[in-house]
Amino acid sequence: MHEEGWHLDPFGNHEARWISDGTPTYLVRDAGVVSKDPPPDAPFEGVIQPLPDGPGLGGPQEAESETVRQRQGRDLTQYFDRIGWSGSNLT
């Protein structure tokens, strides 16, 4: 059975990389933030190592949607700052 999920980045460029069917993908994670970084052109011929706390859960769509949620949250925060809304304006 091939590895699937978040594992240590076998290339050492990021904390974790999404592995699909035993193959490193472009999805990477650093400090809980998901981003994209294509794997090097050279094929990986090593052993896929699990993260210290075990393989992550959730698929690539979940990882990408988390990035979208983070971006949307950041955009909303910037908007609220721009209009001067602090949350205390509700009364």
C-alpha atoms as a PDB file:
ATOM      1  CA  MET A   1       0.000   0.000   0.000  1.00  0.00           C
ATOM      2  CA  HIS A   2       1.312   3.454  -0.915  1.00  0.00           C
ATOM      3  CA  GLU A   3       1.598   6.299   1.574  1.00  0.00           C
ATOM      4  CA  GLU A   4      -1.156   8.941   1.661  1.00  0.00           C
ATOM      5  CA  GLY A   5      -1.423  12.115   3.751  1.00  0.00           C
ATOM      6  CA  TRP A   6       0.921  14.601   5.406  1.00  0.00           C
ATOM      7  CA  HIS A   7       4.466  13.338   5.910  1.00  0.00           C
ATOM      8  CA  LEU A   8       7.872  14.885   6.504  1.00  0.00           C
ATOM      9  CA  ASP A   9       8.946  16.677   3.342  1.00  0.00           C
ATOM     10  CA  PRO A  10      11.309  14.135   1.795  1.00  0.00           C
ATOM     11  CA  PHE A  11      13.202  16.973   0.085  1.00  0.00           C
ATOM     12  CA  GLY A  12      13.775  18.856   3.352  1.00  0.00           C
ATOM     13  CA  ASN A  13      12.381  22.148   2.028  1.00  0.00           C
ATOM     14  CA  HIS A  14       9.271  22.267   4.270  1.00  0.00           C
ATOM     15  CA  GLU A  15       8.014  20.756   7.515  1.00  0.00           C
ATOM     16  CA  ALA A  16       5.504  18.523   5.721  1.00  0.00           C
ATOM     17  CA  ARG A  17       4.444  17.591   2.216  1.00  0.00           C
ATOM     18  CA  TRP A  18       1.230  15.899   1.053  1.00  0.00           C
ATOM     19  CA  ILE A  19       1.967  12.418  -0.279  1.00  0.00           C
ATOM     20  CA  SER A  20      -0.522  10.893  -2.710  1.00  0.00           C
ATOM     21  CA  ASP A  21      -0.234   7.241  -3.710  1.00  0.00           C
ATOM     22  CA  GLY A  22       3.375   7.252  -2.457  1.00  0.00           C
ATOM     23  CA  THR A  23       4.313  10.293  -4.551  1.00  0.00           C
ATOM     24  CA  PRO A  24       5.231  13.732  -3.133  1.00  0.00           C
ATOM     25  CA  THR A  25       2.825  16.446  -4.375  1.00  0.00           C
ATOM     26  CA  TYR A  26       2.977  20.250  -4.613  1.00  0.00           C
ATOM     27  CA  LEU A  27       1.066  20.755  -1.318  1.00  0.00           C
ATOM     28  CA  VAL A  28       3.349  21.707   1.578  1.00  0.00           C
ATOM     29  CA  ARG A  29       2.826  22.823   5.172  1.00  0.00           C
ATOM     30  CA  ASP A  30       4.974  24.979   7.458  1.00  0.00           C
ATOM     31  CA  ALA A  31       3.887  26.021  10.966  1.00  0.00           C
ATOM     32  CA  GLY A  32       0.348  24.885  10.126  1.00  0.00           C
ATOM     33  CA  VAL A  33       0.109  27.051   6.998  1.00  0.00           C
ATOM     34  CA  VAL A  34      -0.575  25.177   3.768  1.00  0.00           C
ATOM     35  CA  SER A  35       0.918  26.433   0.521  1.00  0.00           C
ATOM     36  CA  LYS A  36       2.061  25.111  -2.830  1.00  0.00           C
ATOM     37  CA  ASP A  37       5.626  24.283  -3.873  1.00  0.00           C
ATOM     38  CA  PRO A  38       6.192  21.810  -6.695  1.00  0.00           C
ATOM     39  CA  PRO A  39       8.515  18.952  -5.805  1.00  0.00           C
ATOM     40  CA  PRO A  40      11.941  18.980  -7.465  1.00  0.00           C
ATOM     41  CA  ASP A  41      12.111  17.557 -10.986  1.00  0.00           C
ATOM     42  CA  ALA A  42      14.300  14.656  -9.880  1.00  0.00           C
ATOM     43  CA  PRO A  43      12.155  11.653  -8.875  1.00  0.00           C
ATOM     44  CA  PHE A  44      12.153  10.811  -5.174  1.00  0.00           C
ATOM     45  CA  GLU A  45      13.687   7.422  -4.486  1.00  0.00           C
ATOM     46  CA  GLY A  46      13.819   7.322  -0.695  1.00  0.00           C
ATOM     47  CA  VAL A  47      11.551   6.269   2.134  1.00  0.00           C
ATOM     48  CA  ILE A  48       8.551   8.453   2.980  1.00  0.00           C
ATOM     49  CA  GLN A  49       8.779   9.321   6.694  1.00  0.00           C
ATOM     50  CA  PRO A  50       5.658   9.952   8.811  1.00  0.00           C
ATOM     51  CA  LEU A  51       5.350  13.144  10.807  1.00  0.00           C
ATOM     52  CA  PRO A  52       6.436  12.694  14.432  1.00  0.00           C
ATOM     53  CA  ASP A  53       2.758  12.743  15.507  1.00  0.00           C
ATOM     54  CA  GLY A  54       1.705  10.414  12.675  1.00  0.00           C
ATOM     55  CA  PRO A  55       0.317  11.012   9.197  1.00  0.00           C
ATOM     56  CA  GLY A  56      -2.120  13.910   8.916  1.00  0.00           C
ATOM     57  CA  LEU A  57      -5.772  13.557   8.110  1.00  0.00           C
ATOM     58  CA  GLY A  58      -7.743  15.255   5.386  1.00  0.00           C
ATOM     59  CA  GLY A  59      -7.108  15.288   1.687  1.00  0.00           C
ATOM     60  CA  PRO A  60      -5.634  17.840  -0.668  1.00  0.00           C
ATOM     61  CA  GLN A  61      -9.007  19.551  -1.063  1.00  0.00           C
ATOM     62  CA  GLU A  62      -9.188  20.038   2.703  1.00  0.00           C
ATOM     63  CA  ALA A  63      -5.657  21.410   2.733  1.00  0.00           C
ATOM     64  CA  GLU A  64      -6.408  23.840  -0.083  1.00  0.00           C
ATOM     65  CA  SER A  65      -9.707  24.927   1.476  1.00  0.00           C
ATOM     66  CA  GLU A  66      -7.839  25.687   4.723  1.00  0.00           C
ATOM     67  CA  THR A  67      -5.590  28.020   2.767  1.00  0.00           C
ATOM     68  CA  VAL A  68      -8.677  29.712   1.318  1.00  0.00           C
ATOM     69  CA  ARG A  69     -10.207  30.053   4.809  1.00  0.00           C
ATOM     70  CA  GLN A  70      -6.985  31.610   6.132  1.00  0.00           C
ATOM     71  CA  ARG A  71      -6.902  34.076   3.231  1.00  0.00           C
ATOM     72  CA  GLN A  72     -10.577  34.982   3.693  1.00  0.00           C
ATOM     73  CA  GLY A  73     -10.060  35.523   7.415  1.00  0.00           C
ATOM     74  CA  ARG A  74      -7.059  37.761   6.757  1.00  0.00           C
ATOM     75  CA  ASP A  75      -9.047  39.731   4.158  1.00  0.00           C
ATOM     76  CA  LEU A  76     -11.938  40.243   6.600  1.00  0.00           C
ATOM     77  CA  THR A  77      -9.571  41.360   9.359  1.00  0.00           C
ATOM     78  CA  GLN A  78      -7.968  43.909   7.026  1.00  0.00           C
ATOM     79  CA  TYR A  79     -11.415  45.148   5.943  1.00  0.00           C
ATOM     80  CA  PHE A  80     -12.616  45.561   9.547  1.00  0.00           C
ATOM     81  CA  ASP A  81      -9.409  47.401  10.434  1.00  0.00           C
ATOM     82  CA  ARG A  82      -9.876  49.708   7.438  1.00  0.00           C
ATOM     83  CA  ILE A  83     -13.457  50.643   8.390  1.00  0.00           C
ATOM     84  CA  GLY A  84     -12.619  50.959  12.075  1.00  0.00           C
ATOM     85  CA  TRP A  85     -14.829  48.104  13.276  1.00  0.00           C
ATOM     86  CA  SER A  86     -13.597  46.563  16.507  1.00  0.00           C
ATOM     87  CA  GLY A  87     -16.492  44.335  17.489  1.00  0.00           C
ATOM     88  CA  SER A  88     -17.484  46.658  20.321  1.00  0.00           C
ATOM     89  CA  ASN A  89     -19.703  48.598  17.876  1.00  0.00           C
ATOM     90  CA  LEU A  90     -22.477  46.010  18.287  1.00  0.00           C
ATOM     91  CA  THR A  91     -24.221  47.817  21.152  1.00  0.00           C
END
